[in-house]
C-alpha atoms as a PDB file:
ATOM      1  CA  MET A   1    -194.022 -23.437   0.121  1.00  0.00           C
ATOM      2  CA  LEU A   2    -195.715 -24.173   3.439  1.00  0.00           C
ATOM      3  CA  LEU A   3    -196.836 -20.896   5.024  1.00  0.00           C
ATOM      4  CA  ALA A   4    -198.095 -21.347   8.594  1.00  0.00           C
ATOM      5  CA  ILE A   5    -200.402 -18.706  10.052  1.00  0.00           C
ATOM      6  CA  GLU A   6    -200.085 -18.911  13.838  1.00  0.00           C
ATOM      7  CA  GLY A   7    -201.490 -17.132  16.867  1.00  0.00           C
ATOM      8  CA  GLY A   8    -203.623 -17.498  19.954  1.00  0.00           C
ATOM      9  CA  ASP A   9    -207.339 -18.220  19.823  1.00  0.00           C
ATOM     10  CA  GLY A  10    -209.205 -15.319  18.267  1.00  0.00           C
ATOM     11  CA  ALA A  11    -206.094 -13.920  16.587  1.00  0.00           C
ATOM     12  CA  GLY A  12    -207.738 -13.924  13.165  1.00  0.00           C
ATOM     13  CA  LYS A  13    -205.819 -16.868  11.682  1.00  0.00           C
ATOM     14  CA  ALA A  14    -208.596 -18.314   9.512  1.00  0.00           C
ATOM     15  CA  THR A  15    -209.477 -14.897   8.110  1.00  0.00           C
ATOM     16  CA  ALA A  16    -205.827 -14.039   7.418  1.00  0.00           C
ATOM     17  CA  ALA A  17    -205.121 -17.428   5.829  1.00  0.00           C
ATOM     18  CA  ALA A  18    -208.072 -17.059   3.470  1.00  0.00           C
ATOM     19  CA  ALA A  19    -207.095 -13.497   2.575  1.00  0.00           C
ATOM     20  CA  VAL A  20    -203.477 -14.507   1.875  1.00  0.00           C
ATOM     21  CA  ALA A  21    -204.623 -17.298  -0.450  1.00  0.00           C
ATOM     22  CA  VAL A  22    -206.908 -14.871  -2.301  1.00  0.00           C
ATOM     23  CA  ALA A  23    -204.066 -12.363  -2.666  1.00  0.00           C
ATOM     24  CA  LEU A  24    -201.610 -14.980  -3.942  1.00  0.00           C
ATOM     25  CA  ASN A  25    -204.063 -16.433  -6.440  1.00  0.00           C
ATOM     26  CA  ALA A  26    -204.886 -12.935  -7.671  1.00  0.00           C
ATOM     27  CA  ALA A  27    -201.159 -12.407  -8.230  1.00  0.00           C
ATOM     28  CA  GLY A  28    -200.947 -15.563 -10.338  1.00  0.00           C
ATOM     29  CA  ARG A  29    -199.553 -17.808  -7.603  1.00  0.00           C
ATOM     30  CA  SER A  30    -201.486 -21.015  -7.013  1.00  0.00           C
ATOM     31  CA  ALA A  31    -202.426 -21.159  -3.318  1.00  0.00           C
ATOM     32  CA  THR A  32    -204.794 -23.133  -1.123  1.00  0.00           C
ATOM     33  CA  VAL A  33    -205.688 -23.207   2.592  1.00  0.00           C
ATOM     34  CA  LEU A  34    -205.544 -26.174   4.962  1.00  0.00           C
ATOM     35  CA  SER A  35    -206.825 -25.700   8.525  1.00  0.00           C
ATOM     36  CA  PHE A  36    -205.941 -27.674  11.656  1.00  0.00           C
ATOM     37  CA  PRO A  37    -207.367 -29.394  13.608  1.00  0.00           C
ATOM     38  CA  ARG A  38    -209.504 -31.240  11.052  1.00  0.00           C
ATOM     39  CA  TYR A  39    -212.267 -32.014  13.523  1.00  0.00           C
ATOM     40  CA  ALA A  40    -214.603 -33.812  11.100  1.00  0.00           C
ATOM     41  CA  ASP A  41    -211.959 -35.635   9.069  1.00  0.00           C
ATOM     42  CA  THR A  42    -209.593 -37.481  11.414  1.00  0.00           C
ATOM     43  CA  ALA A  43    -209.747 -39.574  14.572  1.00  0.00           C
ATOM     44  CA  GLY A  44    -207.307 -37.175  16.199  1.00  0.00           C
ATOM     45  CA  GLY A  45    -209.449 -34.207  15.182  1.00  0.00           C
ATOM     46  CA  TRP A  46    -212.579 -35.857  16.622  1.00  0.00           C
ATOM     47  CA  ALA A  47    -210.792 -36.524  19.935  1.00  0.00           C
ATOM     48  CA  LEU A  48    -209.615 -32.911  20.044  1.00  0.00           C
ATOM     49  CA  GLY A  49    -213.165 -31.700  19.508  1.00  0.00           C
ATOM     50  CA  GLU A  50    -214.295 -33.821  22.442  1.00  0.00           C
ATOM     51  CA  MET A  51    -211.443 -32.440  24.560  1.00  0.00           C
ATOM     52  CA  LEU A  52    -212.022 -28.790  23.643  1.00  0.00           C
ATOM     53  CA  GLY A  53    -215.762 -29.242  24.076  1.00  0.00           C
ATOM     54  CA  GLY A  54    -215.190 -30.467  27.637  1.00  0.00           C
ATOM     55  CA  ARG A  55    -216.714 -33.897  26.980  1.00  0.00           C
ATOM     56  CA  LEU A  56    -213.788 -36.205  27.774  1.00  0.00           C
ATOM     57  CA  PRO A  57    -214.244 -38.098  31.059  1.00  0.00           C
ATOM     58  CA  ARG A  58    -210.735 -37.325  32.329  1.00  0.00           C
ATOM     59  CA  GLU A  59    -208.097 -34.620  32.100  1.00  0.00           C
ATOM     60  CA  VAL A  60    -205.675 -34.805  29.176  1.00  0.00           C
ATOM     61  CA  SER A  61    -202.010 -34.203  30.027  1.00  0.00           C
ATOM     62  CA  PRO A  62    -199.959 -31.801  27.862  1.00  0.00           C
ATOM     63  CA  ARG A  63    -198.031 -34.709  26.296  1.00  0.00           C
ATOM     64  CA  ALA A  64    -201.218 -36.652  25.559  1.00  0.00           C
ATOM     65  CA  ALA A  65    -202.757 -33.545  23.994  1.00  0.00           C
ATOM     66  CA  ALA A  66    -199.590 -33.056  21.926  1.00  0.00           C
ATOM     67  CA  VAL A  67    -199.996 -36.595  20.586  1.00  0.00           C
ATOM     68  CA  LEU A  68    -203.623 -35.934  19.621  1.00  0.00           C
ATOM     69  CA  TYR A  69    -202.763 -32.737  17.728  1.00  0.00           C
ATOM     70  CA  ALA A  70    -199.847 -34.486  16.022  1.00  0.00           C
ATOM     71  CA  LEU A  71    -202.085 -37.478  15.208  1.00  0.00           C
ATOM     72  CA  ASP A  72    -204.553 -35.162  13.457  1.00  0.00           C
ATOM     73  CA  ARG A  73    -201.720 -33.965  11.211  1.00  0.00           C
ATOM     74  CA  LEU A  74    -200.320 -37.472  10.686  1.00  0.00           C
ATOM     75  CA  GLU A  75    -203.746 -38.592   9.463  1.00  0.00           C
ATOM     76  CA  SER A  76    -203.812 -35.493   7.227  1.00  0.00           C
ATOM     77  CA  ARG A  77    -200.287 -35.954   5.863  1.00  0.00           C
ATOM     78  CA  ASP A  78    -201.398 -37.266   2.452  1.00  0.00           C
ATOM     79  CA  VAL A  79    -203.855 -34.373   2.135  1.00  0.00           C
ATOM     80  CA  LEU A  80    -201.089 -31.898   2.990  1.00  0.00           C
ATOM     81  CA  LEU A  81    -198.591 -33.440   0.554  1.00  0.00           C
ATOM     82  CA  ALA A  82    -201.191 -33.534  -2.223  1.00  0.00           C
ATOM     83  CA  ALA A  83    -201.957 -29.853  -1.646  1.00  0.00           C
ATOM     84  CA  ALA A  84    -198.235 -29.049  -1.768  1.00  0.00           C
ATOM     85  CA  ALA A  85    -197.854 -31.014  -5.004  1.00  0.00           C
ATOM     86  CA  ASN A  86    -200.704 -29.154  -6.675  1.00  0.00           C
ATOM     87  CA  HIS A  87    -200.091 -25.608  -5.434  1.00  0.00           C
ATOM     88  CA  GLU A  88    -197.135 -23.278  -5.112  1.00  0.00           C
ATOM     89  CA  VAL A  89    -198.220 -22.220  -1.621  1.00  0.00           C
ATOM     90  CA  VAL A  90    -200.166 -24.112   1.031  1.00  0.00           C
ATOM     91  CA  VAL A  91    -201.414 -21.623   3.614  1.00  0.00           C
ATOM     92  CA  LEU A  92    -201.819 -23.411   6.938  1.00  0.00           C
ATOM     93  CA  ASP A  93    -204.314 -22.137   9.491  1.00  0.00           C
ATOM     94  CA  ARG A  94    -202.346 -23.431  12.497  1.00  0.00           C
ATOM     95  CA  TYR A  95    -199.519 -25.914  12.173  1.00  0.00           C
ATOM     96  CA  ILE A  96    -196.820 -27.550  14.291  1.00  0.00           C
ATOM     97  CA  ALA A  97    -195.895 -24.448  16.313  1.00  0.00           C
ATOM     98  CA  SER A  98    -199.431 -24.274  17.658  1.00  0.00           C
ATOM     99  CA  ASN A  99    -198.939 -27.662  19.289  1.00  0.00           C
ATOM    100  CA  LEU A 100    -195.627 -26.553  20.772  1.00  0.00           C
ATOM    101  CA  VAL A 101    -196.840 -23.343  22.377  1.00  0.00           C
ATOM    102  CA  TYR A 102    -200.192 -24.578  23.664  1.00  0.00           C
ATOM    103  CA  GLN A 103    -198.879 -27.712  25.357  1.00  0.00           C
ATOM    104  CA  ALA A 104    -195.905 -25.822  26.798  1.00  0.00           C
ATOM    105  CA  ALA A 105    -198.376 -23.267  28.169  1.00  0.00           C
ATOM    106  CA  ARG A 106    -200.429 -26.020  29.843  1.00  0.00           C
ATOM    107  CA  GLY A 107    -197.492 -27.610  31.664  1.00  0.00           C
ATOM    108  CA  PRO A 108    -194.955 -26.379  34.237  1.00  0.00           C
ATOM    109  CA  LEU A 109    -192.773 -23.514  33.056  1.00  0.00           C
ATOM    110  CA  ALA A 110    -189.631 -25.498  33.898  1.00  0.00           C
ATOM    111  CA  ASP A 111    -190.681 -28.220  31.439  1.00  0.00           C
ATOM    112  CA  ALA A 112    -191.717 -25.890  28.604  1.00  0.00           C
ATOM    113  CA  GLU A 113    -188.596 -26.014  26.403  1.00  0.00           C
ATOM    114  CA  GLU A 114    -188.143 -29.772  26.735  1.00  0.00           C
ATOM    115  CA  LEU A 115    -191.819 -30.362  25.948  1.00  0.00           C
ATOM    116  CA  MET A 116    -191.600 -28.167  22.855  1.00  0.00           C
ATOM    117  CA  ARG A 117    -188.531 -30.038  21.598  1.00  0.00           C
ATOM    118  CA  TRP A 118    -190.227 -33.381  22.262  1.00  0.00           C
ATOM    119  CA  THR A 119    -193.364 -32.282  20.389  1.00  0.00           C
ATOM    120  CA  TRP A 120    -191.350 -30.916  17.454  1.00  0.00           C
ATOM    121  CA  ALA A 121    -189.481 -34.242  17.166  1.00  0.00           C
ATOM    122  CA  LEU A 122    -192.778 -36.157  17.352  1.00  0.00           C
ATOM    123  CA  GLU A 123    -194.296 -34.229  14.460  1.00  0.00           C
ATOM    124  CA  THR A 124    -191.290 -33.737  12.175  1.00  0.00           C
ATOM    125  CA  ASP A 125    -189.245 -36.879  12.903  1.00  0.00           C
ATOM    126  CA  ALA A 126    -191.578 -39.641  14.096  1.00  0.00           C
ATOM    127  CA  PHE A 127    -194.550 -38.516  11.950  1.00  0.00           C
ATOM    128  CA  ALA A 128    -192.411 -37.094   9.087  1.00  0.00           C
ATOM    129  CA  LEU A 129    -194.447 -33.914   8.704  1.00  0.00           C
ATOM    130  CA  PRO A 130    -192.655 -31.260   6.653  1.00  0.00           C
ATOM    131  CA  PRO A 131    -191.589 -28.158   8.611  1.00  0.00           C
ATOM    132  CA  PRO A 132    -193.048 -24.827   7.495  1.00  0.00           C
ATOM    133  CA  ASP A 133    -190.987 -22.598   5.221  1.00  0.00           C
ATOM    134  CA  LEU A 134    -192.313 -19.535   7.039  1.00  0.00           C
ATOM    135  CA  SER A 135    -194.394 -19.102  10.194  1.00  0.00           C
ATOM    136  CA  VAL A 136    -196.335 -15.874  10.725  1.00  0.00           C
ATOM    137  CA  TYR A 137    -197.321 -14.944  14.269  1.00  0.00           C
ATOM    138  CA  LEU A 138    -200.455 -12.808  14.393  1.00  0.00           C
ATOM    139  CA  ALA A 139    -199.948 -10.680  17.494  1.00  0.00           C
ATOM    140  CA  THR A 140    -203.453 -10.002  18.789  1.00  0.00           C
ATOM    141  CA  PRO A 141    -204.097  -8.810  22.381  1.00  0.00           C
ATOM    142  CA  VAL A 142    -206.224 -11.139  24.516  1.00  0.00           C
ATOM    143  CA  ASP A 143    -209.043  -8.620  25.003  1.00  0.00           C
ATOM    144  CA  VAL A 144    -209.420  -8.056  21.257  1.00  0.00           C
ATOM    145  CA  ALA A 145    -209.158 -11.795  20.614  1.00  0.00           C
ATOM    146  CA  ARG A 146    -211.968 -12.532  23.074  1.00  0.00           C
ATOM    147  CA  ARG A 147    -214.224 -10.132  21.205  1.00  0.00           C
ATOM    148  CA  GLN A 148    -213.310 -11.926  17.999  1.00  0.00           C
ATOM    149  CA  ILE A 149    -214.142 -15.327  19.514  1.00  0.00           C
ATOM    150  CA  ALA A 150    -217.514 -14.081  20.769  1.00  0.00           C
ATOM    151  CA  MET A 151    -218.441 -13.134  17.189  1.00  0.00           C
ATOM    152  CA  LYS A 152    -217.602 -16.560  15.730  1.00  0.00           C
ATOM    153  CA  GLN A 153    -220.304 -18.730  14.285  1.00  0.00           C
ATOM    154  CA  GLN A 154    -221.145 -21.917  16.180  1.00  0.00           C
ATOM    155  CA  ARG A 155    -218.394 -24.497  15.817  1.00  0.00           C
ATOM    156  CA  SER A 156    -218.950 -28.156  14.933  1.00  0.00           C
ATOM    157  CA  TYR A 157    -217.392 -29.407  18.169  1.00  0.00           C
ATOM    158  CA  THR A 158    -219.048 -27.132  20.764  1.00  0.00           C
ATOM    159  CA  ASP A 159    -222.237 -25.172  21.380  1.00  0.00           C
ATOM    160  CA  ALA A 160    -220.478 -22.883  23.868  1.00  0.00           C
ATOM    161  CA  ALA A 161    -219.264 -19.406  22.984  1.00  0.00           C
ATOM    162  CA  PHE A 162    -215.772 -20.334  24.257  1.00  0.00           C
ATOM    163  CA  ASP A 163    -214.162 -23.756  24.147  1.00  0.00           C
ATOM    164  CA  VAL A 164    -211.961 -25.076  26.980  1.00  0.00           C
ATOM    165  CA  ASN A 165    -208.798 -23.366  25.724  1.00  0.00           C
ATOM    166  CA  GLU A 166    -210.524 -20.120  24.727  1.00  0.00           C
ATOM    167  CA  ALA A 167    -212.140 -19.767  28.160  1.00  0.00           C
ATOM    168  CA  ASP A 168    -208.775 -19.937  29.972  1.00  0.00           C
ATOM    169  CA  ALA A 169    -207.440 -16.362  29.949  1.00  0.00           C
ATOM    170  CA  ALA A 170    -204.227 -17.322  31.776  1.00  0.00           C
ATOM    171  CA  LEU A 171    -203.521 -20.025  29.190  1.00  0.00           C
ATOM    172  CA  GLN A 172    -204.090 -17.559  26.366  1.00  0.00           C
ATOM    173  CA  ALA A 173    -201.590 -15.137  27.909  1.00  0.00           C
ATOM    174  CA  ARG A 174    -198.952 -17.878  28.244  1.00  0.00           C
ATOM    175  CA  VAL A 175    -199.591 -19.014  24.670  1.00  0.00           C
ATOM    176  CA  ARG A 176    -198.900 -15.505  23.420  1.00  0.00           C
ATOM    177  CA  ASP A 177    -195.683 -15.333  25.465  1.00  0.00           C
ATOM    178  CA  ASN A 178    -194.559 -18.630  23.934  1.00  0.00           C
ATOM    179  CA  TYR A 179    -195.351 -17.500  20.399  1.00  0.00           C
ATOM    180  CA  ALA A 180    -193.486 -14.234  20.928  1.00  0.00           C
ATOM    181  CA  ALA A 181    -190.468 -16.164  22.216  1.00  0.00           C
ATOM    182  CA  LEU A 182    -190.454 -18.509  19.224  1.00  0.00           C
ATOM    183  CA  GLY A 183    -190.702 -15.588  16.841  1.00  0.00           C
ATOM    184  CA  ALA A 184    -187.939 -13.647  18.571  1.00  0.00           C
ATOM    185  CA  THR A 185    -185.482 -16.562  18.600  1.00  0.00           C
ATOM    186  CA  GLY A 186    -186.316 -18.083  15.220  1.00  0.00           C
ATOM    187  CA  TRP A 187    -186.983 -21.394  16.955  1.00  0.00           C
ATOM    188  CA  ALA A 188    -188.254 -24.051  14.515  1.00  0.00           C
ATOM    189  CA  GLY A 189    -187.610 -21.984  11.395  1.00  0.00           C
ATOM    190  CA  ARG A 190    -188.127 -18.481  10.016  1.00  0.00           C
ATOM    191  CA  TRP A 191    -190.747 -16.276  11.699  1.00  0.00           C
ATOM    192  CA  VAL A 192    -192.443 -12.989  10.925  1.00  0.00           C
ATOM    193  CA  THR A 193    -194.609 -11.151  13.461  1.00  0.00           C
ATOM    194  CA  VAL A 194    -197.614  -9.177  12.205  1.00  0.00           C
ATOM    195  CA  GLN A 195    -199.498  -6.780  14.472  1.00  0.00           C
ATOM    196  CA  THR A 196    -203.195  -7.305  13.760  1.00  0.00           C
ATOM    197  CA  VAL A 197    -204.561  -4.398  15.794  1.00  0.00           C
ATOM    198  CA  ALA A 198    -204.339  -0.662  15.160  1.00  0.00           C
ATOM    199  CA  GLN A 199    -205.942   1.908  17.464  1.00  0.00           C
ATOM    200  CA  GLY A 200    -207.740  -0.828  19.410  1.00  0.00           C
ATOM    201  CA  ALA A 201    -209.439  -2.445  16.395  1.00  0.00           C
ATOM    202  CA  MET A 202    -208.546  -5.286  14.051  1.00  0.00           C
ATOM    203  CA  ARG A 203    -206.843  -4.207  10.863  1.00  0.00           C
ATOM    204  CA  ALA A 204    -208.554  -5.039   7.565  1.00  0.00           C
ATOM    205  CA  PRO A 205    -207.909  -8.639   6.406  1.00  0.00           C
ATOM    206  CA  GLY A 206    -206.559  -7.442   3.072  1.00  0.00           C
ATOM    207  CA  GLU A 207    -204.062  -5.160   4.803  1.00  0.00           C
ATOM    208  CA  ILE A 208    -202.825  -7.991   7.039  1.00  0.00           C
ATOM    209  CA  ALA A 209    -202.626 -10.340   4.049  1.00  0.00           C
ATOM    210  CA  ALA A 210    -200.598  -7.831   2.041  1.00  0.00           C
ATOM    211  CA  GLU A 211    -198.036  -7.574   4.856  1.00  0.00           C
ATOM    212  CA  ILE A 212    -197.753 -11.368   5.013  1.00  0.00           C
ATOM    213  CA  VAL A 213    -197.373 -11.747   1.234  1.00  0.00           C
ATOM    214  CA  GLU A 214    -194.681  -9.051   1.269  1.00  0.00           C
ATOM    215  CA  ALA A 215    -192.721 -11.148   3.802  1.00  0.00           C
ATOM    216  CA  LEU A 216    -192.509 -14.163   1.490  1.00  0.00           C
ATOM    217  CA  ILE A 217    -189.077 -14.883   0.091  1.00  0.00           C
ATOM    218  CA  TRP A 218    -188.879 -15.054  -3.686  1.00  0.00           C
ATOM    219  CA  PRO A 219    -188.278 -17.016  -5.766  1.00  0.00           C
ATOM    220  CA  PHE A 220    -190.288 -20.027  -4.647  1.00  0.00           C
ATOM    221  CA  PRO A 221    -188.644 -23.427  -5.166  1.00  0.00           C
ATOM    222  CA  ALA A 222    -190.831 -23.878  -8.261  1.00  0.00           C
ATOM    223  CA  ASP A 223    -189.309 -20.717  -9.763  1.00  0.00           C
ATOM    224  CA  ALA A 224    -185.774 -21.813  -8.954  1.00  0.00           C
ATOM    225  CA  GLY A 225    -186.279 -25.084 -10.809  1.00  0.00           C
ATOM    226  CA  ALA A 226    -187.954 -23.545 -13.833  1.00  0.00           C
END
């Protein structure tokens, strides 16, 4: 099973992904985490780090950025398939939907749906990446997310507190609208939305993880074939 944890910057994806893997392993289900982009491991990831760090000498169009994010996953395809072969669940900290919603948010609204379909075809058809079995949208308000970002440790690709995408509040709002729309329509597979904030503060990682694990459909394919 490929379980994609999705959400805007600062939504708590890495923390939730790790907590879900811990919960599944504790329950006797073999699980591992794979995070995208893989900045230090692929040419696409390196280029994305340069882009998000504001070091590229020219602006990157939404379609060009979509290719870079997809390239990072294409270069990681063998790693992903090996993880899927060795574990019942691969928990993905960002996956294909992230590319869809971010690039659609960066371009004209009138082009958003066509760009998302083009990007989905690029990743799943041209690059033969397997679609997720379940995508979980972590619904985290922008103001809470910005506080989360400010508390992050220094990233490998930037010394700044906020990278190019994180610093753009309007982009972050559009990204959240796009995620909510995908989740509401079931576009690109099955979605579950998890509210990460209660009374103005982030919920405990274990509580969020438990809600995500509860949303998984049993049996897994491995069970069905046993």
